[in-house]
Amino acid sequence: MNTHLHITAWALGFILFAIAYVMYKKGNTKAGKIIHMVLRLDYLLILYSGGELITPYFNGGNLLPEAIVKGVAGIWMIVIMEMLLVRLPKQKPLKALWIQFIIAVILLLVLGFVRLPMGV
């Protein structure tokens, strides 16, 4: 059940990220900040459910290094999302962050669905 919680939390996180990004892009900073704060609460749910999914790998097995890389990449993804939403209203360059975003999404999907199929 925790896998479903984690996937649902990530899906909600991407939806909230997209809404906050559009709000900031349109100049509606008040609505963008509200959605951004809700997204930050969702980050906690993502971290909790991801932590629950990664802990069984510490009991042994040959997939521990990949699980650690997935955990670090997940935290990296959250940092990228946060940096994009913080830099957008300040009109700072975002190209490097978007490249990292795409790389992180690909890495996380490959590790999450192909290499570490714990609860699927």
C-alpha atoms as a PDB file:
ATOM      1  CA  MET A   1       0.000   0.000   0.000  1.00  0.00           C
ATOM      2  CA  ASN A   2       2.918   2.321   0.648  1.00  0.00           C
ATOM      3  CA  THR A   3       3.940   2.185  -3.014  1.00  0.00           C
ATOM      4  CA  HIS A   4       0.522   3.530  -3.953  1.00  0.00           C
ATOM      5  CA  LEU A   5       0.856   6.289  -1.360  1.00  0.00           C
ATOM      6  CA  HIS A   6       4.251   7.258  -2.755  1.00  0.00           C
ATOM      7  CA  ILE A   7       3.083   7.315  -6.381  1.00  0.00           C
ATOM      8  CA  THR A   8      -0.037   9.277  -5.423  1.00  0.00           C
ATOM      9  CA  ALA A   9       2.028  11.780  -3.450  1.00  0.00           C
ATOM     10  CA  TRP A  10       4.391  12.265  -6.405  1.00  0.00           C
ATOM     11  CA  ALA A  11       1.501  12.660  -8.850  1.00  0.00           C
ATOM     12  CA  LEU A  12      -0.069  15.244  -6.550  1.00  0.00           C
ATOM     13  CA  GLY A  13       3.330  16.913  -6.205  1.00  0.00           C
ATOM     14  CA  PHE A  14       3.741  17.250  -9.976  1.00  0.00           C
ATOM     15  CA  ILE A  15       0.215  18.624 -10.345  1.00  0.00           C
ATOM     16  CA  LEU A  16       0.742  21.170  -7.560  1.00  0.00           C
ATOM     17  CA  PHE A  17       4.133  22.088  -9.040  1.00  0.00           C
ATOM     18  CA  ALA A  18       2.577  22.723 -12.448  1.00  0.00           C
ATOM     19  CA  ILE A  19      -0.230  24.832 -10.969  1.00  0.00           C
ATOM     20  CA  ALA A  20       2.162  26.890  -8.837  1.00  0.00           C
ATOM     21  CA  TYR A  21       4.493  27.355 -11.825  1.00  0.00           C
ATOM     22  CA  VAL A  22       1.625  28.623 -14.002  1.00  0.00           C
ATOM     23  CA  MET A  23       0.415  30.954 -11.231  1.00  0.00           C
ATOM     24  CA  TYR A  24       3.876  32.449 -10.795  1.00  0.00           C
ATOM     25  CA  LYS A  25       4.317  32.702 -14.565  1.00  0.00           C
ATOM     26  CA  LYS A  26       1.040  34.649 -14.890  1.00  0.00           C
ATOM     27  CA  GLY A  27       2.111  37.026 -12.131  1.00  0.00           C
ATOM     28  CA  ASN A  28      -0.436  35.809  -9.578  1.00  0.00           C
ATOM     29  CA  THR A  29       2.077  35.507  -6.760  1.00  0.00           C
ATOM     30  CA  LYS A  30      -0.484  35.252  -3.948  1.00  0.00           C
ATOM     31  CA  ALA A  31      -2.149  32.143  -5.406  1.00  0.00           C
ATOM     32  CA  GLY A  32       1.265  30.796  -6.405  1.00  0.00           C
ATOM     33  CA  LYS A  33       2.539  31.111  -2.837  1.00  0.00           C
ATOM     34  CA  ILE A  34      -0.512  29.315  -1.439  1.00  0.00           C
ATOM     35  CA  ILE A  35      -0.127  26.390  -3.841  1.00  0.00           C
ATOM     36  CA  HIS A  36       3.628  26.419  -3.194  1.00  0.00           C
ATOM     37  CA  MET A  37       3.037  26.033   0.550  1.00  0.00           C
ATOM     38  CA  VAL A  38       0.643  23.122  -0.044  1.00  0.00           C
ATOM     39  CA  LEU A  39       3.307  21.564  -2.275  1.00  0.00           C
ATOM     40  CA  ARG A  40       5.813  21.875   0.558  1.00  0.00           C
ATOM     41  CA  LEU A  41       3.448  19.875   2.776  1.00  0.00           C
ATOM     42  CA  ASP A  42       3.225  17.274   0.019  1.00  0.00           C
ATOM     43  CA  TYR A  43       7.040  17.060   0.039  1.00  0.00           C
ATOM     44  CA  LEU A  44       6.782  15.749   3.606  1.00  0.00           C
ATOM     45  CA  LEU A  45       4.404  13.001   2.500  1.00  0.00           C
ATOM     46  CA  ILE A  46       6.721  12.139  -0.400  1.00  0.00           C
ATOM     47  CA  LEU A  47       9.739  11.933   1.922  1.00  0.00           C
ATOM     48  CA  TYR A  48       7.864   9.819   4.463  1.00  0.00           C
ATOM     49  CA  SER A  49       6.517   7.312   1.940  1.00  0.00           C
ATOM     50  CA  GLY A  50       9.866   7.165   0.113  1.00  0.00           C
ATOM     51  CA  GLY A  51      11.642   6.504   3.391  1.00  0.00           C
ATOM     52  CA  GLU A  52       9.233   3.677   4.140  1.00  0.00           C
ATOM     53  CA  LEU A  53       9.940   2.166   0.716  1.00  0.00           C
ATOM     54  CA  ILE A  54      13.731   2.393   1.011  1.00  0.00           C
ATOM     55  CA  THR A  55      14.146   0.938   4.531  1.00  0.00           C
ATOM     56  CA  PRO A  56      13.668  -2.763   3.578  1.00  0.00           C
ATOM     57  CA  TYR A  57      16.701  -2.522   1.282  1.00  0.00           C
ATOM     58  CA  PHE A  58      18.904  -1.856   4.324  1.00  0.00           C
ATOM     59  CA  ASN A  59      18.155  -5.369   5.645  1.00  0.00           C
ATOM     60  CA  GLY A  60      20.332  -6.881   2.968  1.00  0.00           C
ATOM     61  CA  GLY A  61      20.313  -7.564  -0.705  1.00  0.00           C
ATOM     62  CA  ASN A  62      22.249  -6.474  -3.705  1.00  0.00           C
ATOM     63  CA  LEU A  63      20.035  -3.497  -4.599  1.00  0.00           C
ATOM     64  CA  LEU A  64      21.043  -1.306  -1.648  1.00  0.00           C
ATOM     65  CA  PRO A  65      23.347   1.008  -3.674  1.00  0.00           C
ATOM     66  CA  GLU A  66      20.605   1.586  -6.243  1.00  0.00           C
ATOM     67  CA  ALA A  67      18.078   2.262  -3.498  1.00  0.00           C
ATOM     68  CA  ILE A  68      20.415   4.845  -1.987  1.00  0.00           C
ATOM     69  CA  VAL A  69      20.909   6.488  -5.390  1.00  0.00           C
ATOM     70  CA  LYS A  70      17.114   6.561  -5.841  1.00  0.00           C
ATOM     71  CA  GLY A  71      16.668   8.190  -2.438  1.00  0.00           C
ATOM     72  CA  VAL A  72      19.298  10.831  -3.141  1.00  0.00           C
ATOM     73  CA  ALA A  73      17.835  11.439  -6.603  1.00  0.00           C
ATOM     74  CA  GLY A  74      14.386  11.864  -5.041  1.00  0.00           C
ATOM     75  CA  ILE A  75      15.704  14.503  -2.665  1.00  0.00           C
ATOM     76  CA  TRP A  76      17.519  16.121  -5.604  1.00  0.00           C
ATOM     77  CA  MET A  77      14.180  16.241  -7.490  1.00  0.00           C
ATOM     78  CA  ILE A  78      12.467  17.986  -4.594  1.00  0.00           C
ATOM     79  CA  VAL A  79      15.308  20.519  -4.421  1.00  0.00           C
ATOM     80  CA  ILE A  80      15.044  21.190  -8.165  1.00  0.00           C
ATOM     81  CA  MET A  81      11.281  21.719  -7.956  1.00  0.00           C
ATOM     82  CA  GLU A  82      11.712  24.074  -5.034  1.00  0.00           C
ATOM     83  CA  MET A  83      14.482  26.042  -6.745  1.00  0.00           C
ATOM     84  CA  LEU A  84      12.411  26.416  -9.911  1.00  0.00           C
ATOM     85  CA  LEU A  85       9.482  27.834  -7.970  1.00  0.00           C
ATOM     86  CA  VAL A  86      11.671  30.171  -5.912  1.00  0.00           C
ATOM     87  CA  ARG A  87      13.663  31.515  -8.868  1.00  0.00           C
ATOM     88  CA  LEU A  88      10.726  31.997 -11.244  1.00  0.00           C
ATOM     89  CA  PRO A  89       9.207  35.086  -9.542  1.00  0.00           C
ATOM     90  CA  LYS A  90      12.696  36.590  -9.237  1.00  0.00           C
ATOM     91  CA  GLN A  91      13.130  36.150 -13.024  1.00  0.00           C
ATOM     92  CA  LYS A  92      16.431  34.311 -12.696  1.00  0.00           C
ATOM     93  CA  PRO A  93      17.630  31.897 -15.422  1.00  0.00           C
ATOM     94  CA  LEU A  94      15.978  28.473 -15.246  1.00  0.00           C
ATOM     95  CA  LYS A  95      17.460  26.552 -18.192  1.00  0.00           C
ATOM     96  CA  ALA A  96      20.001  24.570 -16.144  1.00  0.00           C
ATOM     97  CA  LEU A  97      17.333  23.660 -13.601  1.00  0.00           C
ATOM     98  CA  TRP A  98      14.978  22.413 -16.306  1.00  0.00           C
ATOM     99  CA  ILE A  99      17.740  20.213 -17.725  1.00  0.00           C
ATOM    100  CA  GLN A 100      18.363  18.784 -14.254  1.00  0.00           C
ATOM    101  CA  PHE A 101      14.601  18.309 -13.832  1.00  0.00           C
ATOM    102  CA  ILE A 102      14.379  16.178 -16.991  1.00  0.00           C
ATOM    103  CA  ILE A 103      17.458  14.119 -16.053  1.00  0.00           C
ATOM    104  CA  ALA A 104      16.121  13.537 -12.533  1.00  0.00           C
ATOM    105  CA  VAL A 105      12.682  12.464 -13.788  1.00  0.00           C
ATOM    106  CA  ILE A 106      14.214   9.938 -16.187  1.00  0.00           C
ATOM    107  CA  LEU A 107      16.577   8.598 -13.510  1.00  0.00           C
ATOM    108  CA  LEU A 108      13.801   8.293 -10.938  1.00  0.00           C
ATOM    109  CA  LEU A 109      11.396   6.574 -13.316  1.00  0.00           C
ATOM    110  CA  VAL A 110      14.006   4.051 -14.424  1.00  0.00           C
ATOM    111  CA  LEU A 111      15.122   3.274 -10.876  1.00  0.00           C
ATOM    112  CA  GLY A 112      11.608   3.304  -9.449  1.00  0.00           C
ATOM    113  CA  PHE A 113       9.746   1.225 -11.987  1.00  0.00           C
ATOM    114  CA  VAL A 114      12.433  -0.931 -13.608  1.00  0.00           C
ATOM    115  CA  ARG A 115      15.253  -1.580 -11.142  1.00  0.00           C
ATOM    116  CA  LEU A 116      13.552  -1.365  -7.735  1.00  0.00           C
ATOM    117  CA  PRO A 117      10.081  -2.849  -8.148  1.00  0.00           C
ATOM    118  CA  MET A 118       9.478  -3.352  -4.461  1.00  0.00           C
ATOM    119  CA  GLY A 119       5.731  -3.068  -4.147  1.00  0.00           C
ATOM    120  CA  VAL A 120       4.475  -3.335  -7.714  1.00  0.00           C
END
